[in-house]
PDB file of all heavy atoms in Angstrom:
ATOM      1  N   LEU A   1       0.853  -1.174  -0.009  1.00  0.00           N
ATOM      2  CA  LEU A   1       0.002   0.001   0.002  1.00  0.00           C
ATOM      3  C   LEU A   1       0.895   1.236  -0.001  1.00  0.00           C
ATOM      4  O   LEU A   1       1.906   1.267   0.683  1.00  0.00           O
ATOM      5  CB  LEU A   1      -0.893  -0.018   1.250  1.00  0.00           C
ATOM      6  CG  LEU A   1      -2.015   0.978   1.364  1.00  0.00           C
ATOM      7  CD1 LEU A   1      -2.999   0.821   0.196  1.00  0.00           C
ATOM      8  CD2 LEU A   1      -2.766   0.783   2.672  1.00  0.00           C
ATOM      9  N   CYS A   2       0.498   2.227  -0.780  1.00  0.00           N
ATOM     10  CA  CYS A   2       1.292   3.458  -0.853  1.00  0.00           C
ATOM     11  C   CYS A   2       0.371   4.676  -0.892  1.00  0.00           C
ATOM     12  O   CYS A   2      -0.847   4.538  -1.056  1.00  0.00           O
ATOM     13  CB  CYS A   2       2.233   3.432  -2.050  1.00  0.00           C
ATOM     14  SG  CYS A   2       1.343   3.334  -3.635  1.00  0.00           S
ATOM     15  N   ILE A   3       0.964   5.834  -0.785  1.00  0.00           N
ATOM     16  CA  ILE A   3       0.177   7.082  -0.745  1.00  0.00           C
ATOM     17  C   ILE A   3      -0.596   7.270  -2.046  1.00  0.00           C
ATOM     18  O   ILE A   3      -1.777   7.610  -2.017  1.00  0.00           O
ATOM     19  CB  ILE A   3       1.100   8.281  -0.457  1.00  0.00           C
ATOM     20  CG1 ILE A   3       1.556   8.215   0.999  1.00  0.00           C
ATOM     21  CG2 ILE A   3       0.367   9.604  -0.730  1.00  0.00           C
ATOM     22  CD1 ILE A   3       2.508   9.297   1.428  1.00  0.00           C
ATOM     23  N   SER A   4       0.035   7.029  -3.190  1.00  0.00           N
ATOM     24  CA  SER A   4      -0.684   7.243  -4.457  1.00  0.00           C
ATOM     25  C   SER A   4      -1.908   6.345  -4.576  1.00  0.00           C
ATOM     26  O   SER A   4      -2.895   6.720  -5.233  1.00  0.00           O
ATOM     27  CB  SER A   4       0.267   7.066  -5.652  1.00  0.00           C
ATOM     28  OG  SER A   4       0.759   5.763  -5.713  1.00  0.00           O
ATOM     29  N   ASP A   5      -1.897   5.182  -3.927  1.00  0.00           N
ATOM     30  CA  ASP A   5      -3.067   4.294  -3.966  1.00  0.00           C
ATOM     31  C   ASP A   5      -4.295   4.908  -3.280  1.00  0.00           C
ATOM     32  O   ASP A   5      -5.417   4.582  -3.658  1.00  0.00           O
ATOM     33  CB  ASP A   5      -2.759   2.985  -3.233  1.00  0.00           C
ATOM     34  CG  ASP A   5      -1.798   2.082  -3.988  1.00  0.00           C
ATOM     35  OD1 ASP A   5      -1.583   2.293  -5.198  1.00  0.00           O
ATOM     36  OD2 ASP A   5      -1.234   1.163  -3.335  1.00  0.00           O
ATOM     37  N   VAL A   6      -4.062   5.722  -2.286  1.00  0.00           N
ATOM     38  CA  VAL A   6      -5.192   6.224  -1.484  1.00  0.00           C
ATOM     39  C   VAL A   6      -5.578   7.654  -1.805  1.00  0.00           C
ATOM     40  O   VAL A   6      -6.493   8.199  -1.160  1.00  0.00           O
ATOM     41  CB  VAL A   6      -4.922   6.061   0.037  1.00  0.00           C
ATOM     42  CG1 VAL A   6      -4.723   4.589   0.376  1.00  0.00           C
ATOM     43  CG2 VAL A   6      -3.784   6.901   0.488  1.00  0.00           C
ATOM     44  N   LEU A   7      -4.966   8.283  -2.809  1.00  0.00           N
ATOM     45  CA  LEU A   7      -5.309   9.670  -3.130  1.00  0.00           C
ATOM     46  C   LEU A   7      -6.774   9.820  -3.549  1.00  0.00           C
ATOM     47  O   LEU A   7      -7.438  10.809  -3.155  1.00  0.00           O
ATOM     48  CB  LEU A   7      -4.380  10.229  -4.193  1.00  0.00           C
ATOM     49  CG  LEU A   7      -2.936  10.448  -3.723  1.00  0.00           C
ATOM     50  CD1 LEU A   7      -2.090  11.022  -4.845  1.00  0.00           C
ATOM     51  CD2 LEU A   7      -2.861  11.322  -2.485  1.00  0.00           C
ATOM     52  N   PRO A   8      -7.356   8.877  -4.307  1.00  0.00           N
ATOM     53  CA  PRO A   8      -8.791   9.022  -4.614  1.00  0.00           C
ATOM     54  C   PRO A   8      -9.654   8.944  -3.373  1.00  0.00           C
ATOM     55  O   PRO A   8     -10.639   9.690  -3.239  1.00  0.00           O
ATOM     56  CB  PRO A   8      -9.067   7.852  -5.558  1.00  0.00           C
ATOM     57  CG  PRO A   8      -7.758   7.465  -6.141  1.00  0.00           C
ATOM     58  CD  PRO A   8      -6.746   7.779  -5.051  1.00  0.00           C
ATOM     59  N   ILE A   9      -9.306   8.084  -2.427  1.00  0.00           N
ATOM     60  CA  ILE A   9     -10.072   7.934  -1.204  1.00  0.00           C
ATOM     61  C   ILE A   9      -9.944   9.179  -0.344  1.00  0.00           C
ATOM     62  O   ILE A   9     -10.925   9.704   0.192  1.00  0.00           O
ATOM     63  CB  ILE A   9      -9.611   6.687  -0.411  1.00  0.00           C
ATOM     64  CG1 ILE A   9      -9.812   5.434  -1.254  1.00  0.00           C
ATOM     65  CG2 ILE A   9     -10.345   6.571   0.924  1.00  0.00           C
ATOM     66  CD1 ILE A   9      -9.087   4.216  -0.721  1.00  0.00           C
ATOM     67  N   LEU A  10      -8.703   9.686  -0.219  1.00  0.00           N
ATOM     68  CA  LEU A  10      -8.476  10.910   0.559  1.00  0.00           C
ATOM     69  C   LEU A  10      -9.267  12.080  -0.001  1.00  0.00           C
ATOM     70  O   LEU A  10      -9.889  12.852   0.722  1.00  0.00           O
ATOM     71  CB  LEU A  10      -6.980  11.233   0.608  1.00  0.00           C
ATOM     72  CG  LEU A  10      -6.563  12.472   1.390  1.00  0.00           C
ATOM     73  CD1 LEU A  10      -7.000  12.377   2.847  1.00  0.00           C
ATOM     74  CD2 LEU A  10      -5.072  12.687   1.285  1.00  0.00           C
ATOM     75  N   ALA A  11      -9.279  12.213  -1.332  1.00  0.00           N
ATOM     76  CA  ALA A  11     -10.031  13.303  -1.979  1.00  0.00           C
ATOM     77  C   ALA A  11     -11.510  13.205  -1.646  1.00  0.00           C
ATOM     78  O   ALA A  11     -12.169  14.218  -1.354  1.00  0.00           O
ATOM     79  CB  ALA A  11      -9.807  13.252  -3.492  1.00  0.00           C
ATOM     80  N   LYS A  12     -12.052  12.002  -1.680  1.00  0.00           N
ATOM     81  CA  LYS A  12     -13.488  11.809  -1.384  1.00  0.00           C
ATOM     82  C   LYS A  12     -13.773  12.101   0.089  1.00  0.00           C
ATOM     83  O   LYS A  12     -14.839  12.642   0.409  1.00  0.00           O
ATOM     84  CB  LYS A  12     -13.914  10.406  -1.754  1.00  0.00           C
ATOM     85  CG  LYS A  12     -13.989  10.233  -3.248  1.00  0.00           C
ATOM     86  CD  LYS A  12     -14.328   8.840  -3.684  1.00  0.00           C
ATOM     87  CE  LYS A  12     -14.324   8.846  -5.195  1.00  0.00           C
ATOM     88  NZ  LYS A  12     -14.548   7.624  -5.828  1.00  0.00           N
ATOM     89  N   MET A  13     -12.838  11.784   0.952  1.00  0.00           N
ATOM     90  CA  MET A  13     -13.028  12.106   2.386  1.00  0.00           C
ATOM     91  C   MET A  13     -13.085  13.604   2.595  1.00  0.00           C
ATOM     92  O   MET A  13     -13.813  14.095   3.438  1.00  0.00           O
ATOM     93  CB  MET A  13     -11.877  11.540   3.226  1.00  0.00           C
ATOM     94  CG  MET A  13     -11.950  10.063   3.436  1.00  0.00           C
ATOM     95  SD  MET A  13     -10.537   9.516   4.442  1.00  0.00           S
ATOM     96  CE  MET A  13     -11.031   7.830   4.760  1.00  0.00           C
ATOM     97  N   LEU A  14     -12.289  14.339   1.812  1.00  0.00           N
ATOM     98  CA  LEU A  14     -12.192  15.772   1.989  1.00  0.00           C
ATOM     99  C   LEU A  14     -13.249  16.552   1.235  1.00  0.00           C
ATOM    100  O   LEU A  14     -13.677  17.624   1.678  1.00  0.00           O
ATOM    101  CB  LEU A  14     -10.791  16.273   1.576  1.00  0.00           C
ATOM    102  CG  LEU A  14      -9.633  15.689   2.381  1.00  0.00           C
ATOM    103  CD1 LEU A  14      -8.309  16.148   1.795  1.00  0.00           C
ATOM    104  CD2 LEU A  14      -9.739  16.064   3.850  1.00  0.00           C
ATOM    105  N   HIS A  15     -13.671  16.047   0.045  1.00  0.00           N
ATOM    106  CA  HIS A  15     -14.582  16.809  -0.826  1.00  0.00           C
ATOM    107  C   HIS A  15     -15.839  16.079  -1.245  1.00  0.00           C
ATOM    108  O   HIS A  15     -16.551  16.540  -2.118  1.00  0.00           O
ATOM    109  CB  HIS A  15     -13.837  17.263  -2.069  1.00  0.00           C
ATOM    110  CG  HIS A  15     -13.171  18.571  -1.924  1.00  0.00           C
ATOM    111  ND1 HIS A  15     -12.827  19.352  -2.985  1.00  0.00           N
ATOM    112  CD2 HIS A  15     -12.775  19.288  -0.837  1.00  0.00           C
ATOM    113  CE1 HIS A  15     -12.241  20.457  -2.583  1.00  0.00           C
ATOM    114  NE2 HIS A  15     -12.205  20.432  -1.271  1.00  0.00           N
ATOM    115  N   GLY A  16     -16.084  14.913  -0.700  1.00  0.00           N
ATOM    116  CA  GLY A  16     -17.307  14.190  -1.065  1.00  0.00           C
ATOM    117  C   GLY A  16     -17.059  13.149  -2.148  1.00  0.00           C
ATOM    118  O   GLY A  16     -15.989  13.073  -2.756  1.00  0.00           O
ATOM    119  N   HIS A  17     -18.092  12.343  -2.407  1.00  0.00           N
ATOM    120  CA  HIS A  17     -17.951  11.185  -3.278  1.00  0.00           C
ATOM    121  C   HIS A  17     -17.676  11.515  -4.750  1.00  0.00           C
ATOM    122  O   HIS A  17     -17.204  10.660  -5.504  1.00  0.00           O
ATOM    123  CB  HIS A  17     -19.189  10.304  -3.179  1.00  0.00           C
ATOM    124  CG  HIS A  17     -19.271   9.578  -1.882  1.00  0.00           C
ATOM    125  ND1 HIS A  17     -18.426   8.549  -1.557  1.00  0.00           N
ATOM    126  CD2 HIS A  17     -20.071   9.764  -0.787  1.00  0.00           C
ATOM    127  CE1 HIS A  17     -18.697   8.096  -0.346  1.00  0.00           C
ATOM    128  NE2 HIS A  17     -19.679   8.834   0.159  1.00  0.00           N
ATOM    129  N   LYS A  18     -17.976  12.721  -5.176  1.00  0.00           N
ATOM    130  CA  LYS A  18     -17.729  13.099  -6.587  1.00  0.00           C
ATOM    131  C   LYS A  18     -16.368  13.742  -6.805  1.00  0.00           C
ATOM    132  O   LYS A  18     -16.062  14.185  -7.907  1.00  0.00           O
ATOM    133  CB  LYS A  18     -18.857  14.004  -7.085  1.00  0.00           C
ATOM    134  CG  LYS A  18     -20.194  13.304  -7.157  1.00  0.00           C
ATOM    135  CD  LYS A  18     -21.249  14.163  -7.765  1.00  0.00           C
ATOM    136  CE  LYS A  18     -22.554  13.393  -7.798  1.00  0.00           C
ATOM    137  NZ  LYS A  18     -23.613  14.156  -8.437  1.00  0.00           N
ATOM    138  N   ALA A  19     -15.553  13.816  -5.762  1.00  0.00           N
ATOM    139  CA  ALA A  19     -14.256  14.469  -5.866  1.00  0.00           C
ATOM    140  C   ALA A  19     -13.311  13.703  -6.781  1.00  0.00           C
ATOM    141  O   ALA A  19     -13.286  12.473  -6.780  1.00  0.00           O
ATOM    142  CB  ALA A  19     -13.626  14.598  -4.479  1.00  0.00           C
ATOM    143  N   GLU A  20     -12.574  14.430  -7.572  1.00  0.00           N
ATOM    144  CA  GLU A  20     -11.521  13.842  -8.403  1.00  0.00           C
ATOM    145  C   GLU A  20     -10.311  13.553  -7.524  1.00  0.00           C
ATOM    146  O   GLU A  20     -10.082  14.247  -6.524  1.00  0.00           O
ATOM    147  CB  GLU A  20     -11.114  14.836  -9.511  1.00  0.00           C
ATOM    148  CG  GLU A  20     -12.203  15.084 -10.530  1.00  0.00           C
ATOM    149  CD  GLU A  20     -12.513  13.844 -11.369  1.00  0.00           C
ATOM    150  OE1 GLU A  20     -11.553  13.145 -11.778  1.00  0.00           O
ATOM    151  OE2 GLU A  20     -13.709  13.574 -11.602  1.00  0.00           O
ATOM    152  N   PRO A  21      -9.494  12.544  -7.880  1.00  0.00           N
ATOM    153  CA  PRO A  21      -8.323  12.219  -7.059  1.00  0.00           C
ATOM    154  C   PRO A  21      -7.359  13.406  -6.968  1.00  0.00           C
ATOM    155  O   PRO A  21      -7.234  14.225  -7.888  1.00  0.00           O
ATOM    156  CB  PRO A  21      -7.659  11.069  -7.808  1.00  0.00           C
ATOM    157  CG  PRO A  21      -8.726  10.509  -8.658  1.00  0.00           C
ATOM    158  CD  PRO A  21      -9.644  11.637  -9.012  1.00  0.00           C
ATOM    159  N   LEU A  22      -6.678  13.482  -5.850  1.00  0.00           N
ATOM    160  CA  LEU A  22      -5.603  14.470  -5.677  1.00  0.00           C
ATOM    161  C   LEU A  22      -4.405  14.061  -6.539  1.00  0.00           C
ATOM    162  O   LEU A  22      -4.264  12.898  -6.903  1.00  0.00           O
ATOM    163  CB  LEU A  22      -5.179  14.529  -4.216  1.00  0.00           C
ATOM    164  CG  LEU A  22      -6.180  15.229  -3.279  1.00  0.00           C
ATOM    165  CD1 LEU A  22      -6.045  14.743  -1.862  1.00  0.00           C
ATOM    166  CD2 LEU A  22      -6.004  16.745  -3.362  1.00  0.00           C
ATOM    167  N   HIS A  23      -3.568  15.036  -6.872  1.00  0.00           N
ATOM    168  CA  HIS A  23      -2.382  14.800  -7.697  1.00  0.00           C
ATOM    169  C   HIS A  23      -1.120  15.064  -6.869  1.00  0.00           C
ATOM    170  O   HIS A  23      -1.036  16.046  -6.138  1.00  0.00           O
ATOM    171  CB  HIS A  23      -2.377  15.746  -8.914  1.00  0.00           C
ATOM    172  CG  HIS A  23      -3.596  15.586  -9.772  1.00  0.00           C
ATOM    173  ND1 HIS A  23      -3.683  14.631 -10.736  1.00  0.00           N
ATOM    174  CD2 HIS A  23      -4.769  16.250  -9.775  1.00  0.00           C
ATOM    175  CE1 HIS A  23      -4.862  14.727 -11.335  1.00  0.00           C
ATOM    176  NE2 HIS A  23      -5.546  15.709 -10.743  1.00  0.00           N
ATOM    177  N   LEU A  24      -0.149  14.172  -7.021  1.00  0.00           N
ATOM    178  CA  LEU A  24       1.158  14.355  -6.348  1.00  0.00           C
ATOM    179  C   LEU A  24       1.912  15.499  -7.004  1.00  0.00           C
ATOM    180  O   LEU A  24       1.979  15.576  -8.236  1.00  0.00           O
ATOM    181  CB  LEU A  24       1.984  13.087  -6.455  1.00  0.00           C
ATOM    182  CG  LEU A  24       1.471  11.875  -5.700  1.00  0.00           C
ATOM    183  CD1 LEU A  24       2.215  10.624  -6.151  1.00  0.00           C
ATOM    184  CD2 LEU A  24       1.633  12.071  -4.214  1.00  0.00           C
ATOM    185  N   CYS A  25       2.489  16.359  -6.207  1.00  0.00           N
ATOM    186  CA  CYS A  25       3.308  17.456  -6.733  1.00  0.00           C
ATOM    187  C   CYS A  25       4.789  17.117  -6.664  1.00  0.00           C
ATOM    188  O   CYS A  25       5.583  17.749  -7.355  1.00  0.00           O
ATOM    189  CB  CYS A  25       3.031  18.747  -5.956  1.00  0.00           C
ATOM    190  SG  CYS A  25       1.345  19.347  -6.173  1.00  0.00           S
ATOM    191  N   HIS A  26       5.163  16.200  -5.838  1.00  0.00           N
ATOM    192  CA  HIS A  26       6.550  15.743  -5.688  1.00  0.00           C
ATOM    193  C   HIS A  26       6.509  14.445  -4.924  1.00  0.00           C
ATOM    194  O   HIS A  26       5.442  13.962  -4.572  1.00  0.00           O
ATOM    195  CB  HIS A  26       7.406  16.809  -4.961  1.00  0.00           C
ATOM    196  CG  HIS A  26       6.964  17.049  -3.555  1.00  0.00           C
ATOM    197  ND1 HIS A  26       7.620  16.542  -2.478  1.00  0.00           N
ATOM    198  CD2 HIS A  26       5.879  17.692  -3.064  1.00  0.00           C
ATOM    199  CE1 HIS A  26       6.993  16.908  -1.372  1.00  0.00           C
ATOM    200  NE2 HIS A  26       5.937  17.603  -1.690  1.00  0.00           N
ATOM    201  N   ARG A  27       7.653  13.898  -4.644  1.00  0.00           N
ATOM    202  CA  ARG A  27       7.667  12.664  -3.871  1.00  0.00           C
ATOM    203  C   ARG A  27       8.710  12.788  -2.771  1.00  0.00           C
ATOM    204  O   ARG A  27       9.615  13.619  -2.847  1.00  0.00           O
ATOM    205  CB  ARG A  27       7.933  11.433  -4.728  1.00  0.00           C
ATOM    206  CG  ARG A  27       9.279  11.417  -5.409  1.00  0.00           C
ATOM    207  CD  ARG A  27       9.474  10.118  -6.173  1.00  0.00           C
ATOM    208  NE  ARG A  27      10.877   9.784  -6.243  1.00  0.00           N
ATOM    209  CZ  ARG A  27      11.578   9.170  -5.313  1.00  0.00           C
ATOM    210  NH1 ARG A  27      11.031   8.778  -4.205  1.00  0.00           N
ATOM    211  NH2 ARG A  27      12.857   8.905  -5.457  1.00  0.00           N
ATOM    212  N   LEU A  28       8.586  11.956  -1.792  1.00  0.00           N
ATOM    213  CA  LEU A  28       9.581  11.815  -0.743  1.00  0.00           C
ATOM    214  C   LEU A  28       9.967  10.351  -0.676  1.00  0.00           C
ATOM    215  O   LEU A  28       9.129   9.471  -0.940  1.00  0.00           O
ATOM    216  CB  LEU A  28       9.023  12.267   0.605  1.00  0.00           C
ATOM    217  CG  LEU A  28       8.717  13.743   0.784  1.00  0.00           C
ATOM    218  CD1 LEU A  28       8.028  13.995   2.125  1.00  0.00           C
ATOM    219  CD2 LEU A  28       9.967  14.580   0.672  1.00  0.00           C
ATOM    220  N   ASP A  29      11.185  10.054  -0.322  1.00  0.00           N
ATOM    221  CA  ASP A  29      11.617   8.680  -0.186  1.00  0.00           C
ATOM    222  C   ASP A  29      10.828   8.007   0.929  1.00  0.00           C
ATOM    223  O   ASP A  29      10.339   8.643   1.846  1.00  0.00           O
ATOM    224  CB  ASP A  29      13.113   8.596   0.128  1.00  0.00           C
ATOM    225  CG  ASP A  29      13.968   9.015  -1.050  1.00  0.00           C
ATOM    226  OD1 ASP A  29      13.476   8.954  -2.195  1.00  0.00           O
ATOM    227  OD2 ASP A  29      15.125   9.413  -0.824  1.00  0.00           O
ATOM    228  N   LYS A  30      10.755   6.698   0.846  1.00  0.00           N
ATOM    229  CA  LYS A  30      10.043   5.902   1.833  1.00  0.00           C
ATOM    230  C   LYS A  30      10.501   6.204   3.250  1.00  0.00           C
ATOM    231  O   LYS A  30       9.700   6.342   4.158  1.00  0.00           O
ATOM    232  CB  LYS A  30      10.222   4.421   1.500  1.00  0.00           C
ATOM    233  CG  LYS A  30       9.590   3.474   2.460  1.00  0.00           C
ATOM    234  CD  LYS A  30       9.873   2.043   2.037  1.00  0.00           C
ATOM    235  CE  LYS A  30       9.348   1.064   3.066  1.00  0.00           C
ATOM    236  NZ  LYS A  30       9.625  -0.309   2.704  1.00  0.00           N
ATOM    237  N   GLU A  31      11.797   6.350   3.432  1.00  0.00           N
ATOM    238  CA  GLU A  31      12.354   6.561   4.764  1.00  0.00           C
ATOM    239  C   GLU A  31      12.317   8.009   5.201  1.00  0.00           C
ATOM    240  O   GLU A  31      12.815   8.349   6.275  1.00  0.00           O
ATOM    241  CB  GLU A  31      13.806   6.056   4.818  1.00  0.00           C
ATOM    242  CG  GLU A  31      13.945   4.552   4.682  1.00  0.00           C
ATOM    243  CD  GLU A  31      13.877   4.089   3.233  1.00  0.00           C
ATOM    244  OE1 GLU A  31      14.000   4.927   2.308  1.00  0.00           O
ATOM    245  OE2 GLU A  31      13.665   2.889   3.014  1.00  0.00           O
ATOM    246  N   THR A  32      11.777   8.883   4.374  1.00  0.00           N
ATOM    247  CA  THR A  32      11.721  10.317   4.705  1.00  0.00           C
ATOM    248  C   THR A  32      10.359  10.673   5.286  1.00  0.00           C
ATOM    249  O   THR A  32       9.331  10.313   4.730  1.00  0.00           O
ATOM    250  CB  THR A  32      11.987  11.180   3.463  1.00  0.00           C
ATOM    251  OG1 THR A  32      13.284  10.831   2.950  1.00  0.00           O
ATOM    252  CG2 THR A  32      11.956  12.662   3.783  1.00  0.00           C
ATOM    253  N   THR A  33      10.379  11.370   6.386  1.00  0.00           N
ATOM    254  CA  THR A  33       9.163  11.921   6.984  1.00  0.00           C
ATOM    255  C   THR A  33       9.156  13.398   6.694  1.00  0.00           C
ATOM    256  O   THR A  33      10.170  14.067   6.758  1.00  0.00           O
ATOM    257  CB  THR A  33       9.196  11.700   8.509  1.00  0.00           C
ATOM    258  OG1 THR A  33       9.254  10.324   8.769  1.00  0.00           O
ATOM    259  CG2 THR A  33       7.979  12.288   9.184  1.00  0.00           C
ATOM    260  N   GLY A  34       8.005  13.916   6.330  1.00  0.00           N
ATOM    261  CA  GLY A  34       7.926  15.352   6.077  1.00  0.00           C
ATOM    262  C   GLY A  34       6.664  15.741   5.354  1.00  0.00           C
ATOM    263  O   GLY A  34       5.785  14.901   5.138  1.00  0.00           O
ATOM    264  N   VAL A  35       6.588  17.006   5.021  1.00  0.00           N
ATOM    265  CA  VAL A  35       5.375  17.491   4.342  1.00  0.00           C
ATOM    266  C   VAL A  35       5.412  17.122   2.876  1.00  0.00           C
ATOM    267  O   VAL A  35       6.468  17.109   2.231  1.00  0.00           O
ATOM    268  CB  VAL A  35       5.163  19.012   4.518  1.00  0.00           C
ATOM    269  CG1 VAL A  35       4.941  19.355   5.970  1.00  0.00           C
ATOM    270  CG2 VAL A  35       6.306  19.824   3.954  1.00  0.00           C
TER     271      VAL A  35
END
């Protein structure tokens, strides 16, 4: 499981069932914590 897998679900949680998936603007390594 990864972040890109859950972007459609996260978008729906934030904007309702008709929300389009969020788009990644950059990436962070698996071992990196941050914004």
